[in-house]
Amino acid sequence: MEFGLFVQGYVPESRRRTDPEAEHHALVEETEYVIQADRSGFKYVWASEHHFLDEYSHLSANDVFLGYLAHATERIHLGSGIFNPLPQVNHPVKVAEKVAMLDHLSGGRFEFGSGRGAGSHEILGFLPGVTDMNATKEIWEETIAEFPKMWLQDEYQGFTGKHWTLPPRKVLPKPYGAAHPAMWYAAGSPPSYAMAGKKGLGVLGFSIQKVSDMEWVLDSYKNAVKEAEPVGGFVNDNVMVTSTAICAETHAKAVEVALGGGLNYLQSLLFRYHDTFPRPDGIPQWPELLPEYTEEIIELLIAEELMICGDPDEVFRQCKRWEQAGADQLSFGLPIGIGYEDTMNTIKLIGEHVIPKIDTDPVHRTTRFRQAVTQ
């Protein structure tokens, strides 16, 4: 199993009350987390694209963010988590151009994750008058298979669809090398996993479920991908799952850090904006918040496999559970409200004590898939 980091520009109101430059500091710190993850042996970073999601995510121009990281890092693969290819948000040709440019700037380290957006607050800002969020599925379906054609055809044959049209044109630059970056889909609900598998796409599993509840979902993907009819040049048989992670020198210290992070607030914001995610029982409607986490709640979340938290040995065992469940990549959503030093410590400890015991292959899984079609 490989490891990654997921960043999104989290700028809670509590931070803004004490720091007039909180937004700037948060965004710059997240570049530093990625640089440290690169040094610590993480293989991937995923940078969100969100719009209008106050506090929850201020990382809107993730292409710019990733362009900076292409120069600031050496080995880590840089992923869009996501680029939104709905033409009302980003014209598909502009998305294809950004992907290819980042592929060049990173020396072939770019990973193309796509999706349909976070929820109604975000998407309806671009689709006024739309009342059914399922409408975005049709737009995405119409668009996703066109990207490999734009990249691989000398002159793109053009497209006439219901939602966008383009005459034949040369889409430039082409990706770095003979193939194109691995393609992924951001799945917010269990049925999306099988859909992505059938298309030969990797899954960015932004899940909030515990390991045992996700095992059947991972199985559904693995069964579907066996019969894939890939929209791209190769099958990306790959499931990434996300989890909160706090690692410290001792269990007691890790729990103490978790208690000081205001984790209930980030979780409440998630359900405020991601109204297309399955909503567990007991989640209050915004602006009501989830209760503040106590030590007992933290311990329960650890026991229920809903949070990775503890000393390095405990975190290793918790990560192994995801590997045993069938995950190909485990990415940690950071930051989550805990301080800069504690976040950096988590990255360093996982890099030193956990990753070398689980990820023993120096070659990225997606690199193998990409190289196989050119040999």
Protein backbone atom coordinates (compact mmCIF):
# COMPACT_ATOMS: atom_id res chain seq x y z
CA MET A 1 0.00 0.00 0.00
CA GLU A 2 1.23 3.48 -0.92
CA PHE A 3 0.80 6.68 1.07
CA GLY A 4 -0.30 10.20 0.27
CA LEU A 5 -1.30 13.55 1.69
CA PHE A 6 -4.51 15.46 0.97
CA VAL A 7 -4.51 19.26 1.35
CA GLN A 8 -7.38 21.68 0.88
CA GLY A 9 -6.65 25.10 2.36
CA TYR A 10 -8.48 24.77 5.67
CA VAL A 11 -8.90 28.23 7.25
CA PRO A 12 -11.30 27.99 10.22
CA GLU A 13 -12.83 31.10 11.77
CA SER A 14 -11.08 30.31 15.05
CA ARG A 15 -7.72 30.82 13.33
CA ARG A 16 -8.83 34.01 11.60
CA ARG A 17 -9.87 35.55 14.91
CA THR A 18 -6.28 35.41 16.19
CA ASP A 19 -4.31 35.82 12.96
CA PRO A 20 -5.20 38.57 10.44
CA GLU A 21 -3.13 36.73 7.81
CA ALA A 22 -4.57 33.30 8.57
CA GLU A 23 -5.47 32.52 4.97
CA HIS A 24 -1.97 33.30 3.72
CA HIS A 25 -0.30 31.37 6.52
CA ALA A 26 -2.56 28.34 6.01
CA LEU A 27 -1.86 28.10 2.28
CA VAL A 28 1.90 28.53 2.67
CA GLU A 29 2.03 25.99 5.51
CA GLU A 30 0.31 23.43 3.33
CA THR A 31 3.06 23.74 0.72
CA GLU A 32 5.54 23.05 3.53
CA TYR A 33 3.61 19.94 4.58
CA VAL A 34 3.87 18.62 1.01
CA ILE A 35 7.60 19.37 0.80
CA GLN A 36 8.12 17.49 4.07
CA ALA A 37 5.97 14.59 2.84
CA ASP A 38 8.18 14.40 -0.25
CA ARG A 39 11.26 14.12 1.98
CA SER A 40 9.51 11.60 4.25
CA GLY A 41 8.74 9.07 1.52
CA PHE A 42 5.09 9.78 0.80
CA LYS A 43 4.32 8.98 -2.82
CA TYR A 44 1.35 11.26 -3.52
CA VAL A 45 -0.19 14.59 -2.67
CA TRP A 46 -3.73 15.50 -3.66
CA ALA A 47 -4.72 19.16 -3.82
CA SER A 48 -8.41 20.03 -3.79
CA GLU A 49 -10.29 22.34 -6.11
CA HIS A 50 -13.16 23.94 -4.22
CA HIS A 51 -15.05 27.16 -4.69
CA PHE A 52 -17.09 29.26 -2.26
CA LEU A 53 -16.52 26.87 0.69
CA ASP A 54 -15.66 29.41 3.40
CA GLU A 55 -13.42 28.00 6.14
CA TYR A 56 -13.55 24.44 4.82
CA SER A 57 -11.40 24.91 1.70
CA HIS A 58 -9.71 28.01 0.30
CA LEU A 59 -7.61 26.01 -2.19
CA SER A 60 -9.45 26.96 -5.37
CA ALA A 61 -6.60 27.50 -7.88
CA ASN A 62 -4.95 24.14 -7.29
CA ASP A 63 -3.26 24.19 -10.70
CA VAL A 64 -1.19 27.17 -9.52
CA PHE A 65 -0.52 25.47 -6.19
CA LEU A 66 0.63 22.27 -7.92
CA GLY A 67 2.78 24.20 -10.38
CA TYR A 68 4.72 25.65 -7.46
CA LEU A 69 5.09 22.19 -5.91
CA ALA A 70 6.35 20.74 -9.19
CA HIS A 71 9.46 22.85 -8.69
CA ALA A 72 9.61 22.59 -4.89
CA THR A 73 9.51 18.77 -4.70
CA GLU A 74 11.56 15.95 -6.21
CA ARG A 75 9.78 12.58 -6.08
CA ILE A 76 6.22 12.91 -4.82
CA HIS A 77 3.45 12.58 -7.40
CA LEU A 78 1.22 15.65 -7.63
CA GLY A 79 -2.49 15.01 -8.03
CA SER A 80 -5.53 17.12 -8.74
CA GLY A 81 -8.02 16.20 -6.12
CA ILE A 82 -9.80 17.35 -8.25
CA PHE A 83 -9.81 19.31 -11.47
CA ASN A 84 -13.49 19.87 -12.17
CA PRO A 85 -14.03 19.27 -15.92
CA LEU A 86 -17.65 20.43 -16.12
CA PRO A 87 -17.51 23.03 -18.92
CA GLN A 88 -19.48 25.52 -16.82
CA VAL A 89 -16.63 25.40 -14.25
CA ASN A 90 -13.51 24.72 -16.35
CA HIS A 91 -13.61 24.23 -20.12
CA PRO A 92 -12.45 20.66 -20.86
CA VAL A 93 -9.73 21.86 -23.26
CA LYS A 94 -8.32 24.15 -20.56
CA VAL A 95 -8.29 21.18 -18.16
CA ALA A 96 -6.45 19.01 -20.72
CA GLU A 97 -3.89 21.77 -21.24
CA LYS A 98 -3.30 22.19 -17.49
CA VAL A 99 -2.84 18.45 -17.00
CA ALA A 100 -0.28 18.20 -19.80
CA MET A 101 1.60 21.31 -18.64
CA LEU A 102 1.83 20.03 -15.07
CA ASP A 103 2.96 16.67 -16.40
CA HIS A 104 5.89 18.42 -18.09
CA LEU A 105 6.78 20.67 -15.16
CA SER A 106 6.79 17.72 -12.76
CA GLY A 107 8.73 15.41 -15.08
CA GLY A 108 5.87 12.93 -15.42
CA ARG A 109 4.76 13.05 -11.79
CA PHE A 110 1.26 14.39 -12.37
CA GLU A 111 -1.93 12.46 -11.55
CA PHE A 112 -5.26 13.58 -13.06
CA GLY A 113 -8.13 13.34 -10.62
CA SER A 114 -11.53 14.56 -11.79
CA GLY A 115 -14.98 14.76 -10.30
CA ARG A 116 -18.21 16.72 -10.17
CA GLY A 117 -17.68 19.06 -7.22
CA ALA A 118 -18.40 19.09 -3.52
CA GLY A 119 -22.13 19.65 -3.33
CA SER A 120 -24.97 21.99 -4.13
CA HIS A 121 -23.44 25.13 -2.56
CA GLU A 122 -20.41 24.86 -4.84
CA ILE A 123 -21.88 23.47 -8.04
CA LEU A 124 -25.04 25.54 -8.16
CA GLY A 125 -22.86 28.62 -8.14
CA PHE A 126 -21.86 27.59 -11.66
CA LEU A 127 -25.15 25.96 -12.69
CA PRO A 128 -27.89 28.44 -11.75
CA GLY A 129 -31.35 27.04 -12.10
CA VAL A 130 -30.29 23.39 -11.75
CA THR A 131 -32.21 21.72 -8.93
CA ASP A 132 -31.01 18.14 -9.31
CA MET A 133 -27.34 17.52 -8.55
CA ASN A 134 -27.51 14.33 -10.64
CA ALA A 135 -27.43 16.60 -13.69
CA THR A 136 -23.68 16.94 -13.20
CA LYS A 137 -23.24 13.20 -13.74
CA GLU A 138 -24.44 13.49 -17.32
CA ILE A 139 -22.07 16.39 -18.00
CA TRP A 140 -19.08 14.58 -16.49
CA GLU A 141 -19.93 11.35 -18.39
CA GLU A 142 -20.05 13.30 -21.66
CA THR A 143 -16.65 14.83 -21.02
CA ILE A 144 -14.32 12.34 -19.32
CA ALA A 145 -13.54 10.12 -22.33
CA GLU A 146 -12.48 13.10 -24.44
CA PHE A 147 -9.32 13.85 -22.46
CA PRO A 148 -7.19 10.94 -23.76
CA LYS A 149 -8.18 11.91 -27.31
CA MET A 150 -7.06 15.51 -26.73
CA TRP A 151 -3.74 14.27 -25.37
CA LEU A 152 -2.97 11.45 -27.81
CA GLN A 153 -4.42 12.57 -31.13
CA ASP A 154 -2.09 14.84 -33.10
CA GLU A 155 -5.09 16.98 -33.94
CA TYR A 156 -8.01 16.41 -31.64
CA GLN A 157 -10.97 15.30 -33.74
CA GLY A 158 -13.29 17.75 -32.04
CA PHE A 159 -16.50 17.19 -30.15
CA THR A 160 -20.17 18.05 -30.47
CA GLY A 161 -22.16 17.24 -27.37
CA LYS A 162 -25.13 18.38 -25.39
CA HIS A 163 -23.13 20.54 -22.98
CA TRP A 164 -20.07 21.67 -24.94
CA THR A 165 -18.65 21.74 -28.46
CA LEU A 166 -15.22 22.17 -30.02
CA PRO A 167 -14.11 22.02 -33.67
CA PRO A 168 -11.00 20.00 -34.56
CA ARG A 169 -7.96 21.62 -32.99
CA LYS A 170 -4.44 20.76 -31.85
CA VAL A 171 -4.58 20.68 -28.05
CA LEU A 172 -1.14 21.65 -26.73
CA PRO A 173 1.08 20.77 -25.05
CA LYS A 174 0.87 17.00 -25.27
CA PRO A 175 1.67 15.10 -22.04
CA TYR A 176 5.24 14.22 -21.17
CA GLY A 177 6.23 11.00 -22.95
CA ALA A 178 4.17 8.68 -25.09
CA ALA A 179 1.33 8.00 -22.65
CA HIS A 180 -0.76 10.31 -20.46
CA PRO A 181 -1.11 10.76 -16.68
CA ALA A 182 -3.10 8.23 -14.72
CA MET A 183 -6.80 9.13 -14.47
CA TRP A 184 -8.81 9.06 -11.24
CA TYR A 185 -12.38 9.80 -10.15
CA ALA A 186 -13.38 11.34 -6.83
CA ALA A 187 -16.01 9.04 -5.35
CA GLY A 188 -18.25 10.36 -2.60
CA SER A 189 -20.75 7.48 -2.51
CA PRO A 190 -20.31 3.68 -2.69
CA PRO A 191 -21.92 3.20 -6.17
CA SER A 192 -19.34 5.56 -7.65
CA TYR A 193 -16.55 3.06 -6.95
CA ALA A 194 -17.93 0.42 -9.30
CA MET A 195 -18.69 3.04 -11.94
CA ALA A 196 -15.10 4.24 -11.86
CA GLY A 197 -13.82 0.66 -12.02
CA LYS A 198 -15.83 -0.05 -15.16
CA LYS A 199 -14.21 2.95 -16.82
CA GLY A 200 -10.71 1.88 -15.75
CA LEU A 201 -10.31 4.90 -13.48
CA GLY A 202 -8.62 4.92 -10.11
CA VAL A 203 -10.79 6.04 -7.21
CA LEU A 204 -10.10 8.95 -4.91
CA GLY A 205 -12.14 7.65 -1.99
CA PHE A 206 -13.05 10.64 0.13
CA SER A 207 -14.84 8.38 2.56
CA ILE A 208 -15.87 8.96 6.14
CA GLN A 209 -16.65 5.35 6.95
CA LYS A 210 -14.71 2.92 9.09
CA VAL A 211 -12.53 0.23 7.60
CA SER A 212 -14.96 -2.68 8.03
CA ASP A 213 -17.79 -0.73 6.39
CA MET A 214 -15.60 0.04 3.38
CA GLU A 215 -14.40 -3.49 2.64
CA TRP A 216 -17.42 -4.38 0.48
CA VAL A 217 -17.08 -1.07 -1.37
CA LEU A 218 -13.46 -1.81 -2.19
CA ASP A 219 -14.49 -5.31 -3.31
CA SER A 220 -17.13 -3.82 -5.64
CA TYR A 221 -14.45 -1.70 -7.29
CA LYS A 222 -12.00 -4.58 -7.67
CA ASN A 223 -14.69 -6.75 -9.25
CA ALA A 224 -15.72 -4.00 -11.65
CA VAL A 225 -12.21 -3.05 -12.72
CA LYS A 226 -11.53 -6.64 -13.83
CA GLU A 227 -13.99 -6.06 -16.69
CA ALA A 228 -12.95 -2.46 -17.33
CA GLU A 229 -13.44 -0.76 -20.67
CA PRO A 230 -10.97 2.05 -20.02
CA VAL A 231 -11.74 5.56 -21.18
CA GLY A 232 -7.99 6.24 -21.06
CA GLY A 233 -4.94 4.62 -22.54
CA PHE A 234 -4.62 2.16 -19.67
CA VAL A 235 -6.48 0.83 -16.64
CA ASN A 236 -5.59 2.52 -13.37
CA ASP A 237 -6.54 -0.29 -10.97
CA ASN A 238 -6.16 1.80 -7.85
CA VAL A 239 -8.19 2.84 -4.82
CA MET A 240 -7.07 5.70 -2.61
CA VAL A 241 -8.85 6.16 0.71
CA THR A 242 -8.54 9.11 3.07
CA SER A 243 -8.34 9.24 6.83
CA THR A 244 -7.55 11.63 9.62
CA ALA A 245 -4.10 10.95 11.06
CA ILE A 246 -2.34 12.10 14.21
CA CYS A 247 0.92 10.47 15.20
CA ALA A 248 2.99 11.41 18.24
CA GLU A 249 5.73 9.85 20.34
CA THR A 250 3.18 8.38 22.78
CA HIS A 251 -0.48 7.44 22.69
CA ALA A 252 -1.27 9.98 25.39
CA LYS A 253 0.40 12.77 23.43
CA ALA A 254 -1.47 11.86 20.24
CA VAL A 255 -4.82 11.98 22.04
CA GLU A 256 -3.85 15.30 23.63
CA VAL A 257 -3.07 16.72 20.19
CA ALA A 258 -6.37 15.44 18.82
CA LEU A 259 -8.29 17.04 21.68
CA GLY A 260 -6.79 20.42 20.86
CA GLY A 261 -7.59 20.29 17.15
CA GLY A 262 -11.29 21.16 17.12
CA LEU A 263 -11.93 18.14 14.93
CA ASN A 264 -15.69 18.38 15.43
CA TYR A 265 -15.70 21.72 13.62
CA LEU A 266 -14.01 20.41 10.46
CA GLN A 267 -16.36 17.42 10.43
CA SER A 268 -19.37 19.72 10.80
CA LEU A 269 -18.13 21.82 7.86
CA LEU A 270 -17.74 18.69 5.77
CA PHE A 271 -21.43 17.85 6.15
CA ARG A 272 -22.37 21.50 5.67
CA TYR A 273 -20.95 21.56 2.16
CA HIS A 274 -20.84 17.92 1.00
CA ASP A 275 -24.57 17.40 0.92
CA THR A 276 -24.18 14.66 -1.70
CA PHE A 277 -22.26 12.43 0.75
CA PRO A 278 -24.17 9.73 2.66
CA ARG A 279 -25.21 11.37 5.94
CA PRO A 280 -24.87 9.14 9.02
CA ASP A 281 -27.54 9.28 11.69
CA GLY A 282 -27.01 11.90 14.36
CA ILE A 283 -25.20 14.46 12.21
CA PRO A 284 -26.75 17.87 13.04
CA GLN A 285 -27.79 20.44 10.45
CA TRP A 286 -25.50 23.43 10.10
CA PRO A 287 -25.02 25.80 11.93
CA GLU A 288 -25.44 23.30 14.75
CA LEU A 289 -22.12 21.57 15.37
CA LEU A 290 -21.10 18.09 16.30
CA PRO A 291 -20.21 17.99 20.00
CA GLU A 292 -16.64 18.81 20.92
CA TYR A 293 -14.50 15.70 21.04
CA THR A 294 -13.63 14.43 24.48
CA GLU A 295 -10.91 11.93 25.32
CA GLU A 296 -13.59 9.24 25.41
CA ILE A 297 -14.81 10.18 21.93
CA ILE A 298 -11.27 10.17 20.55
CA GLU A 299 -10.66 6.69 22.00
CA LEU A 300 -13.99 5.50 20.56
CA LEU A 301 -13.11 6.84 17.10
CA ILE A 302 -9.78 5.01 17.27
CA ALA A 303 -11.44 1.77 18.43
CA GLU A 304 -14.09 2.03 15.68
CA GLU A 305 -11.38 2.56 13.04
CA LEU A 306 -12.69 6.01 12.18
CA MET A 307 -9.44 7.79 13.03
CA ILE A 308 -5.77 6.96 12.78
CA CYS A 309 -4.25 8.20 16.01
CA GLY A 310 -1.54 7.01 18.37
CA ASP A 311 2.16 6.33 18.69
CA PRO A 312 4.06 5.02 15.63
CA ASP A 313 3.41 1.35 16.42
CA GLU A 314 -0.31 1.96 16.84
CA VAL A 315 -0.49 4.01 13.66
CA PHE A 316 1.35 1.24 11.80
CA ARG A 317 -1.26 -1.32 12.92
CA GLN A 318 -4.12 1.02 12.02
CA CYS A 319 -2.68 1.58 8.54
CA LYS A 320 -2.24 -2.16 8.06
CA ARG A 321 -6.00 -2.55 8.52
CA TRP A 322 -6.59 -0.43 5.41
CA GLU A 323 -4.05 -2.49 3.50
CA GLN A 324 -5.78 -5.69 4.59
CA ALA A 325 -9.12 -4.23 3.50
CA GLY A 326 -7.79 -3.80 -0.05
CA ALA A 327 -6.80 -0.14 -0.25
CA ASP A 328 -3.99 0.60 -2.69
CA GLN A 329 -3.23 4.01 -1.22
CA LEU A 330 -3.93 5.67 2.11
CA SER A 331 -3.90 9.46 2.13
CA PHE A 332 -4.02 11.58 5.24
CA GLY A 333 -6.13 14.72 5.23
CA LEU A 334 -3.84 17.37 6.73
CA PRO A 335 -4.19 19.88 8.22
CA ILE A 336 -7.24 19.17 10.36
CA GLY A 337 -6.98 21.98 12.88
CA ILE A 338 -3.98 20.81 14.87
CA GLY A 339 -0.96 23.11 14.96
CA TYR A 340 1.89 23.39 12.48
CA GLU A 341 4.51 21.62 14.63
CA ASP A 342 2.18 18.73 15.49
CA THR A 343 1.21 18.32 11.84
CA MET A 344 4.85 18.26 10.74
CA ASN A 345 5.61 15.78 13.50
CA THR A 346 2.86 13.47 12.27
CA ILE A 347 4.28 13.54 8.73
CA LYS A 348 7.83 12.91 9.91
CA LEU A 349 6.93 10.06 12.30
CA ILE A 350 4.78 8.28 9.72
CA GLY A 351 7.54 8.71 7.16
CA GLU A 352 10.15 7.30 9.51
CA HIS A 353 8.28 4.51 11.29
CA VAL A 354 5.25 3.49 9.20
CA ILE A 355 5.78 3.93 5.48
CA PRO A 356 9.03 1.88 5.23
CA LYS A 357 7.27 -1.11 6.83
CA ILE A 358 4.30 -1.09 4.44
CA ASP A 359 5.36 0.51 1.15
CA THR A 360 8.45 -1.46 0.15
CA ASP A 361 8.22 -0.80 -3.61
CA PRO A 362 10.15 2.30 -4.70
CA VAL A 363 8.18 2.59 -7.97
CA HIS A 364 4.77 4.25 -8.00
CA ARG A 365 1.90 1.97 -8.92
CA THR A 366 0.64 4.46 -11.50
CA THR A 367 4.10 4.74 -13.02
CA ARG A 368 4.05 1.01 -13.70
CA PHE A 369 0.64 1.24 -15.37
CA ARG A 370 1.76 4.18 -17.50
CA GLN A 371 5.04 2.61 -18.57
CA ALA A 372 3.41 -0.71 -19.47
CA VAL A 373 1.54 0.81 -22.42
CA THR A 374 4.70 2.30 -23.93
CA GLN A 375 6.92 -0.77 -23.75
